[in-house]
PDB file of N, CA and C in Angstrom:
ATOM      1  N   UNK A   1     128.629 -48.204  -6.981  1.00  0.00           N
ATOM      2  CA  UNK A   1     128.117 -46.867  -7.202  1.00  0.00           C
ATOM      3  C   UNK A   1     129.273 -45.928  -7.510  1.00  0.00           C
ATOM      4  N   UNK A   2     129.122 -45.156  -8.544  1.00  0.00           N
ATOM      5  CA  UNK A   2     130.081 -44.095  -8.830  1.00  0.00           C
ATOM      6  C   UNK A   2     129.501 -42.802  -8.290  1.00  0.00           C
ATOM      7  N   UNK A   3     130.328 -42.033  -7.598  1.00  0.00           N
ATOM      8  CA  UNK A   3     129.865 -40.813  -6.943  1.00  0.00           C
ATOM      9  C   UNK A   3     130.586 -39.611  -7.552  1.00  0.00           C
ATOM     10  N   UNK A   4     129.796 -38.578  -7.867  1.00  0.00           N
ATOM     11  CA  UNK A   4     130.321 -37.348  -8.447  1.00  0.00           C
ATOM     12  C   UNK A   4     129.822 -36.156  -7.642  1.00  0.00           C
ATOM     13  N   UNK A   5     130.651 -35.120  -7.543  1.00  0.00           N
ATOM     14  CA  UNK A   5     130.217 -33.856  -6.950  1.00  0.00           C
ATOM     15  C   UNK A   5     130.014 -32.867  -8.083  1.00  0.00           C
ATOM     16  N   UNK A   6     128.955 -32.087  -7.959  1.00  0.00           N
ATOM     17  CA  UNK A   6     128.648 -31.086  -8.983  1.00  0.00           C
ATOM     18  C   UNK A   6     128.313 -29.774  -8.283  1.00  0.00           C
ATOM     19  N   UNK A   7     128.964 -28.708  -8.714  1.00  0.00           N
ATOM     20  CA  UNK A   7     128.672 -27.374  -8.200  1.00  0.00           C
ATOM     21  C   UNK A   7     127.559 -26.777  -9.055  1.00  0.00           C
ATOM     22  N   UNK A   8     126.433 -26.496  -8.437  1.00  0.00           N
ATOM     23  CA  UNK A   8     125.297 -25.945  -9.176  1.00  0.00           C
ATOM     24  C   UNK A   8     125.648 -24.574  -9.737  1.00  0.00           C
ATOM     25  N   UNK A   9     125.288 -24.360 -10.986  1.00  0.00           N
ATOM     26  CA  UNK A   9     125.520 -23.061 -11.597  1.00  0.00           C
ATOM     27  C   UNK A   9     124.182 -22.337 -11.778  1.00  0.00           C
ATOM     28  N   UNK A  10     124.240 -21.120 -12.258  1.00  0.00           N
ATOM     29  CA  UNK A  10     123.033 -20.309 -12.437  1.00  0.00           C
ATOM     30  C   UNK A  10     122.005 -21.027 -13.307  1.00  0.00           C
ATOM     31  N   UNK A  11     122.444 -21.587 -14.415  1.00  0.00           N
ATOM     32  CA  UNK A  11     121.528 -22.261 -15.338  1.00  0.00           C
ATOM     33  C   UNK A  11     120.849 -23.457 -14.678  1.00  0.00           C
ATOM     34  N   UNK A  12     121.604 -24.264 -13.927  1.00  0.00           N
ATOM     35  CA  UNK A  12     121.015 -25.411 -13.227  1.00  0.00           C
ATOM     36  C   UNK A  12     119.834 -24.971 -12.373  1.00  0.00           C
ATOM     37  N   UNK A  13     120.081 -23.981 -11.533  1.00  0.00           N
ATOM     38  CA  UNK A  13     119.076 -23.539 -10.563  1.00  0.00           C
ATOM     39  C   UNK A  13     117.935 -22.777 -11.241  1.00  0.00           C
ATOM     40  N   UNK A  14     118.259 -21.870 -12.113  1.00  0.00           N
ATOM     41  CA  UNK A  14     117.240 -21.042 -12.766  1.00  0.00           C
ATOM     42  C   UNK A  14     116.285 -21.864 -13.636  1.00  0.00           C
ATOM     43  N   UNK A  15     116.809 -22.860 -14.331  1.00  0.00           N
ATOM     44  CA  UNK A  15     115.992 -23.641 -15.264  1.00  0.00           C
ATOM     45  C   UNK A  15     115.704 -25.049 -14.768  1.00  0.00           C
ATOM     46  N   UNK A  16     115.983 -25.313 -13.503  1.00  0.00           N
ATOM     47  CA  UNK A  16     115.713 -26.586 -12.818  1.00  0.00           C
ATOM     48  C   UNK A  16     116.174 -27.801 -13.632  1.00  0.00           C
ATOM     49  N   UNK A  17     117.457 -27.759 -13.953  1.00  0.00           N
ATOM     50  CA  UNK A  17     118.080 -28.859 -14.673  1.00  0.00           C
ATOM     51  C   UNK A  17     119.408 -29.168 -14.005  1.00  0.00           C
ATOM     52  N   UNK A  18     120.157 -30.092 -14.550  1.00  0.00           N
ATOM     53  CA  UNK A  18     121.450 -30.444 -13.999  1.00  0.00           C
ATOM     54  C   UNK A  18     122.427 -30.680 -15.143  1.00  0.00           C
ATOM     55  N   UNK A  19     123.450 -29.880 -15.204  1.00  0.00           N
ATOM     56  CA  UNK A  19     124.494 -30.029 -16.219  1.00  0.00           C
ATOM     57  C   UNK A  19     125.359 -31.231 -15.845  1.00  0.00           C
ATOM     58  N   UNK A  20     125.605 -32.117 -16.795  1.00  0.00           N
ATOM     59  CA  UNK A  20     126.326 -33.357 -16.472  1.00  0.00           C
ATOM     60  C   UNK A  20     127.469 -33.642 -17.449  1.00  0.00           C
ATOM     61  N   UNK A  21     128.039 -32.613 -18.035  1.00  0.00           N
ATOM     62  CA  UNK A  21     129.070 -32.822 -19.056  1.00  0.00           C
ATOM     63  C   UNK A  21     130.309 -33.529 -18.509  1.00  0.00           C
ATOM     64  N   UNK A  22     130.623 -33.339 -17.228  1.00  0.00           N
ATOM     65  CA  UNK A  22     131.824 -33.953 -16.660  1.00  0.00           C
ATOM     66  C   UNK A  22     131.742 -35.474 -16.546  1.00  0.00           C
ATOM     67  N   UNK A  23     130.532 -36.018 -16.497  1.00  0.00           N
ATOM     68  CA  UNK A  23     130.378 -37.472 -16.358  1.00  0.00           C
ATOM     69  C   UNK A  23     129.265 -38.011 -17.258  1.00  0.00           C
ATOM     70  N   UNK A  24     129.079 -37.375 -18.398  1.00  0.00           N
ATOM     71  CA  UNK A  24     128.028 -37.742 -19.340  1.00  0.00           C
ATOM     72  C   UNK A  24     128.078 -39.209 -19.753  1.00  0.00           C
ATOM     73  N   UNK A  25     129.279 -39.761 -19.891  1.00  0.00           N
ATOM     74  CA  UNK A  25     129.422 -41.153 -20.342  1.00  0.00           C
ATOM     75  C   UNK A  25     128.870 -42.162 -19.339  1.00  0.00           C
ATOM     76  N   UNK A  26     128.637 -41.744 -18.117  1.00  0.00           N
ATOM     77  CA  UNK A  26     128.116 -42.640 -17.077  1.00  0.00           C
ATOM     78  C   UNK A  26     126.586 -42.712 -17.079  1.00  0.00           C
ATOM     79  N   UNK A  27     125.936 -41.882 -17.868  1.00  0.00           N
ATOM     80  CA  UNK A  27     124.483 -41.739 -17.821  1.00  0.00           C
ATOM     81  C   UNK A  27     123.805 -42.373 -19.034  1.00  0.00           C
ATOM     82  N   UNK A  28     122.479 -42.516 -18.982  1.00  0.00           N
ATOM     83  CA  UNK A  28     121.739 -43.101 -20.104  1.00  0.00           C
ATOM     84  C   UNK A  28     121.890 -42.286 -21.387  1.00  0.00           C
ATOM     85  N   UNK A  29     121.530 -42.882 -22.510  1.00  0.00           N
ATOM     86  CA  UNK A  29     121.622 -42.184 -23.793  1.00  0.00           C
ATOM     87  C   UNK A  29     120.693 -40.968 -23.866  1.00  0.00           C
ATOM     88  N   UNK A  30     120.977 -40.055 -24.793  1.00  0.00           N
ATOM     89  CA  UNK A  30     120.119 -38.878 -24.977  1.00  0.00           C
ATOM     90  C   UNK A  30     118.653 -39.262 -25.184  1.00  0.00           C
ATOM     91  N   UNK A  31     117.775 -38.483 -24.572  1.00  0.00           N
ATOM     92  CA  UNK A  31     116.338 -38.682 -24.724  1.00  0.00           C
ATOM     93  C   UNK A  31     115.727 -39.732 -23.814  1.00  0.00           C
ATOM     94  N   UNK A  32     116.528 -40.458 -23.050  1.00  0.00           N
ATOM     95  CA  UNK A  32     116.015 -41.523 -22.181  1.00  0.00           C
ATOM     96  C   UNK A  32     115.403 -40.950 -20.909  1.00  0.00           C
ATOM     97  N   UNK A  33     114.382 -41.619 -20.407  1.00  0.00           N
ATOM     98  CA  UNK A  33     113.788 -41.260 -19.123  1.00  0.00           C
ATOM     99  C   UNK A  33     114.663 -41.834 -18.018  1.00  0.00           C
ATOM    100  N   UNK A  34     114.758 -41.081 -16.916  1.00  0.00           N
ATOM    101  CA  UNK A  34     115.511 -41.554 -15.766  1.00  0.00           C
ATOM    102  C   UNK A  34     114.736 -41.253 -14.493  1.00  0.00           C
ATOM    103  N   UNK A  35     115.073 -41.960 -13.440  1.00  0.00           N
ATOM    104  CA  UNK A  35     114.483 -41.737 -12.130  1.00  0.00           C
ATOM    105  C   UNK A  35     115.552 -41.142 -11.231  1.00  0.00           C
ATOM    106  N   UNK A  36     115.224 -40.018 -10.615  1.00  0.00           N
ATOM    107  CA  UNK A  36     116.103 -39.369  -9.659  1.00  0.00           C
ATOM    108  C   UNK A  36     115.598 -39.752  -8.270  1.00  0.00           C
ATOM    109  N   UNK A  37     116.505 -40.171  -7.402  1.00  0.00           N
ATOM    110  CA  UNK A  37     116.153 -40.574  -6.045  1.00  0.00           C
ATOM    111  C   UNK A  37     116.923 -39.676  -5.077  1.00  0.00           C
ATOM    112  N   UNK A  38     116.193 -39.013  -4.180  1.00  0.00           N
ATOM    113  CA  UNK A  38     116.877 -38.105  -3.257  1.00  0.00           C
ATOM    114  C   UNK A  38     117.295 -38.827  -1.976  1.00  0.00           C
ATOM    115  N   UNK A  39     117.813 -38.059  -1.021  1.00  0.00           N
ATOM    116  CA  UNK A  39     118.344 -38.624   0.221  1.00  0.00           C
ATOM    117  C   UNK A  39     117.277 -39.260   1.097  1.00  0.00           C
ATOM    118  N   UNK A  40     116.001 -38.945   0.846  1.00  0.00           N
ATOM    119  CA  UNK A  40     114.891 -39.540   1.603  1.00  0.00           C
ATOM    120  C   UNK A  40     114.213 -40.655   0.810  1.00  0.00           C
ATOM    121  N   UNK A  41     114.831 -41.056  -0.297  1.00  0.00           N
ATOM    122  CA  UNK A  41     114.327 -42.109  -1.190  1.00  0.00           C
ATOM    123  C   UNK A  41     113.084 -41.683  -1.977  1.00  0.00           C
ATOM    124  N   UNK A  42     112.779 -40.378  -2.002  1.00  0.00           N
ATOM    125  CA  UNK A  42     111.681 -39.877  -2.837  1.00  0.00           C
ATOM    126  C   UNK A  42     112.138 -39.928  -4.287  1.00  0.00           C
ATOM    127  N   UNK A  43     111.243 -40.349  -5.170  1.00  0.00           N
ATOM    128  CA  UNK A  43     111.576 -40.509  -6.582  1.00  0.00           C
ATOM    129  C   UNK A  43     110.968 -39.403  -7.427  1.00  0.00           C
ATOM    130  N   UNK A  44     111.735 -38.978  -8.421  1.00  0.00           N
ATOM    131  CA  UNK A  44     111.330 -37.932  -9.362  1.00  0.00           C
ATOM    132  C   UNK A  44     111.611 -38.442 -10.767  1.00  0.00           C
ATOM    133  N   UNK A  45     110.729 -38.155 -11.695  1.00  0.00           N
ATOM    134  CA  UNK A  45     110.943 -38.532 -13.086  1.00  0.00           C
ATOM    135  C   UNK A  45     111.614 -37.388 -13.830  1.00  0.00           C
ATOM    136  N   UNK A  46     112.615 -37.721 -14.621  1.00  0.00           N
ATOM    137  CA  UNK A  46     113.361 -36.718 -15.380  1.00  0.00           C
ATOM    138  C   UNK A  46     113.754 -37.326 -16.720  1.00  0.00           C
ATOM    139  N   UNK A  47     114.432 -36.535 -17.545  1.00  0.00           N
ATOM    140  CA  UNK A  47     114.856 -36.988 -18.872  1.00  0.00           C
ATOM    141  C   UNK A  47     116.271 -36.527 -19.158  1.00  0.00           C
ATOM    142  N   UNK A  48     117.001 -37.356 -19.848  1.00  0.00           N
ATOM    143  CA  UNK A  48     118.263 -36.912 -20.419  1.00  0.00           C
ATOM    144  C   UNK A  48     117.901 -36.044 -21.620  1.00  0.00           C
ATOM    145  N   UNK A  49     118.537 -34.919 -21.753  1.00  0.00           N
ATOM    146  CA  UNK A  49     118.284 -34.044 -22.893  1.00  0.00           C
ATOM    147  C   UNK A  49     118.663 -34.774 -24.179  1.00  0.00           C
ATOM    148  N   UNK A  50     117.982 -34.453 -25.265  1.00  0.00           N
ATOM    149  CA  UNK A  50     118.224 -35.146 -26.540  1.00  0.00           C
ATOM    150  C   UNK A  50     119.544 -34.784 -27.190  1.00  0.00           C
ATOM    151  N   UNK A  51     120.098 -33.604 -26.859  1.00  0.00           N
ATOM    152  CA  UNK A  51     121.328 -33.175 -27.523  1.00  0.00           C
ATOM    153  C   UNK A  51     122.411 -32.689 -26.573  1.00  0.00           C
ATOM    154  N   UNK A  52     122.015 -32.082 -25.474  1.00  0.00           N
ATOM    155  CA  UNK A  52     122.974 -31.442 -24.567  1.00  0.00           C
ATOM    156  C   UNK A  52     123.217 -32.347 -23.360  1.00  0.00           C
ATOM    157  N   UNK A  53     124.391 -32.268 -22.763  1.00  0.00           N
ATOM    158  CA  UNK A  53     124.743 -33.082 -21.591  1.00  0.00           C
ATOM    159  C   UNK A  53     124.082 -32.508 -20.345  1.00  0.00           C
ATOM    160  N   UNK A  54     122.786 -32.801 -20.184  1.00  0.00           N
ATOM    161  CA  UNK A  54     122.070 -32.330 -19.003  1.00  0.00           C
ATOM    162  C   UNK A  54     120.857 -33.210 -18.734  1.00  0.00           C
ATOM    163  N   UNK A  55     120.401 -33.129 -17.493  1.00  0.00           N
ATOM    164  CA  UNK A  55     119.173 -33.799 -17.070  1.00  0.00           C
ATOM    165  C   UNK A  55     118.115 -32.724 -16.932  1.00  0.00           C
ATOM    166  N   UNK A  56     116.986 -32.905 -17.601  1.00  0.00           N
ATOM    167  CA  UNK A  56     115.879 -31.949 -17.576  1.00  0.00           C
ATOM    168  C   UNK A  56     114.736 -32.470 -16.714  1.00  0.00           C
ATOM    169  N   UNK A  57     113.871 -31.550 -16.293  1.00  0.00           N
ATOM    170  CA  UNK A  57     112.650 -31.936 -15.584  1.00  0.00           C
ATOM    171  C   UNK A  57     112.828 -32.097 -14.088  1.00  0.00           C
ATOM    172  N   UNK A  58     113.675 -31.272 -13.490  1.00  0.00           N
ATOM    173  CA  UNK A  58     113.959 -31.406 -12.065  1.00  0.00           C
ATOM    174  C   UNK A  58     113.271 -30.353 -11.198  1.00  0.00           C
ATOM    175  N   UNK A  59     112.218 -29.713 -11.703  1.00  0.00           N
ATOM    176  CA  UNK A  59     111.545 -28.650 -10.944  1.00  0.00           C
ATOM    177  C   UNK A  59     111.074 -29.141  -9.579  1.00  0.00           C
ATOM    178  N   UNK A  60     110.469 -30.298  -9.522  1.00  0.00           N
ATOM    179  CA  UNK A  60     109.969 -30.809  -8.242  1.00  0.00           C
ATOM    180  C   UNK A  60     111.132 -31.088  -7.286  1.00  0.00           C
ATOM    181  N   UNK A  61     112.232 -31.653  -7.797  1.00  0.00           N
ATOM    182  CA  UNK A  61     113.404 -31.895  -6.940  1.00  0.00           C
ATOM    183  C   UNK A  61     113.911 -30.572  -6.359  1.00  0.00           C
ATOM    184  N   UNK A  62     114.062 -29.557  -7.203  1.00  0.00           N
ATOM    185  CA  UNK A  62     114.526 -28.255  -6.723  1.00  0.00           C
ATOM    186  C   UNK A  62     113.540 -27.646  -5.723  1.00  0.00           C
ATOM    187  N   UNK A  63     112.248 -27.804  -5.956  1.00  0.00           N
ATOM    188  CA  UNK A  63     111.245 -27.271  -5.025  1.00  0.00           C
ATOM    189  C   UNK A  63     111.330 -27.928  -3.650  1.00  0.00           C
ATOM    190  N   UNK A  64     111.790 -29.165  -3.602  1.00  0.00           N
ATOM    191  CA  UNK A  64     111.861 -29.909  -2.345  1.00  0.00           C
ATOM    192  C   UNK A  64     113.230 -29.842  -1.663  1.00  0.00           C
ATOM    193  N   UNK A  65     114.162 -29.105  -2.247  1.00  0.00           N
ATOM    194  CA  UNK A  65     115.511 -28.996  -1.677  1.00  0.00           C
ATOM    195  C   UNK A  65     115.938 -27.534  -1.635  1.00  0.00           C
ATOM    196  N   UNK A  66     116.546 -27.162  -0.531  1.00  0.00           N
ATOM    197  CA  UNK A  66     117.020 -25.792  -0.371  1.00  0.00           C
ATOM    198  C   UNK A  66     118.446 -25.722  -0.901  1.00  0.00           C
ATOM    199  N   UNK A  67     118.561 -25.471  -2.184  1.00  0.00           N
ATOM    200  CA  UNK A  67     119.867 -25.340  -2.828  1.00  0.00           C
ATOM    201  C   UNK A  67     119.866 -24.082  -3.677  1.00  0.00           C
ATOM    202  N   UNK A  68     121.050 -23.566  -3.889  1.00  0.00           N
ATOM    203  CA  UNK A  68     121.184 -22.373  -4.724  1.00  0.00           C
ATOM    204  C   UNK A  68     122.496 -22.452  -5.501  1.00  0.00           C
ATOM    205  N   UNK A  69     122.687 -21.476  -6.349  1.00  0.00           N
ATOM    206  CA  UNK A  69     123.899 -21.403  -7.156  1.00  0.00           C
ATOM    207  C   UNK A  69     125.140 -21.528  -6.265  1.00  0.00           C
ATOM    208  N   UNK A  70     126.117 -22.279  -6.728  1.00  0.00           N
ATOM    209  CA  UNK A  70     127.390 -22.553  -6.058  1.00  0.00           C
ATOM    210  C   UNK A  70     127.314 -23.620  -4.969  1.00  0.00           C
ATOM    211  N   UNK A  71     126.130 -24.141  -4.657  1.00  0.00           N
ATOM    212  CA  UNK A  71     126.036 -25.265  -3.725  1.00  0.00           C
ATOM    213  C   UNK A  71     126.516 -26.536  -4.416  1.00  0.00           C
ATOM    214  N   UNK A  72     127.006 -27.463  -3.623  1.00  0.00           N
ATOM    215  CA  UNK A  72     127.425 -28.757  -4.154  1.00  0.00           C
ATOM    216  C   UNK A  72     126.319 -29.776  -3.976  1.00  0.00           C
ATOM    217  N   UNK A  73     126.157 -30.622  -4.990  1.00  0.00           N
ATOM    218  CA  UNK A  73     125.263 -31.768  -4.895  1.00  0.00           C
ATOM    219  C   UNK A  73     126.080 -33.022  -5.191  1.00  0.00           C
ATOM    220  N   UNK A  74     125.597 -34.132  -4.681  1.00  0.00           N
ATOM    221  CA  UNK A  74     126.212 -35.429  -4.931  1.00  0.00           C
ATOM    222  C   UNK A  74     125.321 -36.187  -5.904  1.00  0.00           C
ATOM    223  N   UNK A  75     125.942 -36.780  -6.899  1.00  0.00           N
ATOM    224  CA  UNK A  75     125.237 -37.605  -7.879  1.00  0.00           C
ATOM    225  C   UNK A  75     125.858 -38.993  -7.799  1.00  0.00           C
ATOM    226  N   UNK A  76     125.025 -40.001  -7.539  1.00  0.00           N
ATOM    227  CA  UNK A  76     125.496 -41.377  -7.490  1.00  0.00           C
ATOM    228  C   UNK A  76     124.859 -42.153  -8.632  1.00  0.00           C
ATOM    229  N   UNK A  77     125.701 -42.837  -9.390  1.00  0.00           N
ATOM    230  CA  UNK A  77     125.239 -43.595 -10.551  1.00  0.00           C
ATOM    231  C   UNK A  77     125.695 -45.041 -10.403  1.00  0.00           C
ATOM    232  N   UNK A  78     124.757 -45.960 -10.529  1.00  0.00           N
ATOM    233  CA  UNK A  78     125.091 -47.381 -10.516  1.00  0.00           C
ATOM    234  C   UNK A  78     125.414 -47.784 -11.950  1.00  0.00           C
ATOM    235  N   UNK A  79     126.642 -48.205 -12.233  1.00  0.00           N
ATOM    236  CA  UNK A  79     127.006 -48.569 -13.611  1.00  0.00           C
ATOM    237  C   UNK A  79     126.141 -49.690 -14.195  1.00  0.00           C
ATOM    238  N   UNK A  80     125.543 -50.515 -13.332  1.00  0.00           N
ATOM    239  CA  UNK A  80     124.703 -51.623 -13.809  1.00  0.00           C
ATOM    240  C   UNK A  80     123.286 -51.174 -14.153  1.00  0.00           C
ATOM    241  N   UNK A  81     122.846 -50.059 -13.575  1.00  0.00           N
ATOM    242  CA  UNK A  81     121.509 -49.515 -13.862  1.00  0.00           C
ATOM    243  C   UNK A  81     121.571 -47.994 -13.762  1.00  0.00           C
ATOM    244  N   UNK A  82     122.043 -47.372 -14.831  1.00  0.00           N
ATOM    245  CA  UNK A  82     122.229 -45.917 -14.799  1.00  0.00           C
ATOM    246  C   UNK A  82     120.934 -45.138 -15.061  1.00  0.00           C
ATOM    247  N   UNK A  83     119.794 -45.823 -15.115  1.00  0.00           N
ATOM    248  CA  UNK A  83     118.520 -45.125 -15.292  1.00  0.00           C
ATOM    249  C   UNK A  83     117.946 -44.638 -13.954  1.00  0.00           C
ATOM    250  N   UNK A  84     118.594 -45.037 -12.856  1.00  0.00           N
ATOM    251  CA  UNK A  84     118.205 -44.589 -11.508  1.00  0.00           C
ATOM    252  C   UNK A  84     119.424 -43.901 -10.907  1.00  0.00           C
ATOM    253  N   UNK A  85     119.250 -42.611 -10.634  1.00  0.00           N
ATOM    254  CA  UNK A  85     120.370 -41.774 -10.182  1.00  0.00           C
ATOM    255  C   UNK A  85     120.022 -41.162  -8.837  1.00  0.00           C
ATOM    256  N   UNK A  86     120.919 -41.283  -7.885  1.00  0.00           N
ATOM    257  CA  UNK A  86     120.722 -40.619  -6.596  1.00  0.00           C
ATOM    258  C   UNK A  86     121.265 -39.199  -6.696  1.00  0.00           C
ATOM    259  N   UNK A  87     120.493 -38.247  -6.213  1.00  0.00           N
ATOM    260  CA  UNK A  87     120.867 -36.839  -6.250  1.00  0.00           C
ATOM    261  C   UNK A  87     120.474 -36.191  -4.932  1.00  0.00           C
ATOM    262  N   UNK A  88     121.469 -35.604  -4.248  1.00  0.00           N
ATOM    263  CA  UNK A  88     121.182 -34.977  -2.969  1.00  0.00           C
ATOM    264  C   UNK A  88     122.231 -33.900  -2.669  1.00  0.00           C
ATOM    265  N   UNK A  89     121.844 -32.903  -1.835  1.00  0.00           N
ATOM    266  CA  UNK A  89     122.798 -31.843  -1.481  1.00  0.00           C
ATOM    267  C   UNK A  89     123.974 -32.427  -0.708  1.00  0.00           C
ATOM    268  N   UNK A  90     125.140 -31.800  -0.881  1.00  0.00           N
ATOM    269  CA  UNK A  90     126.343 -32.235  -0.174  1.00  0.00           C
ATOM    270  C   UNK A  90     126.346 -31.673   1.239  1.00  0.00           C
TER     271      UNK A  90
END
């Protein structure tokens, strides 16, 4: 598992997405569906954006987690199966 820390910015929180430009090469290709798994093993469906280095469709994840701008989250990516990503507050 590769582990990354990401500081949530205004855009992440306001538009319920996750900017991933710092580790984009570790994630699925643009437009691919991915599964986000939180710290309680709850699964959420999301998508890699077609053009921009971000994960879209995280409204339910944000609704279930008390996070705000400037909070840190942990992203864990398995290089053998990068379509399932663990995401949880730090």
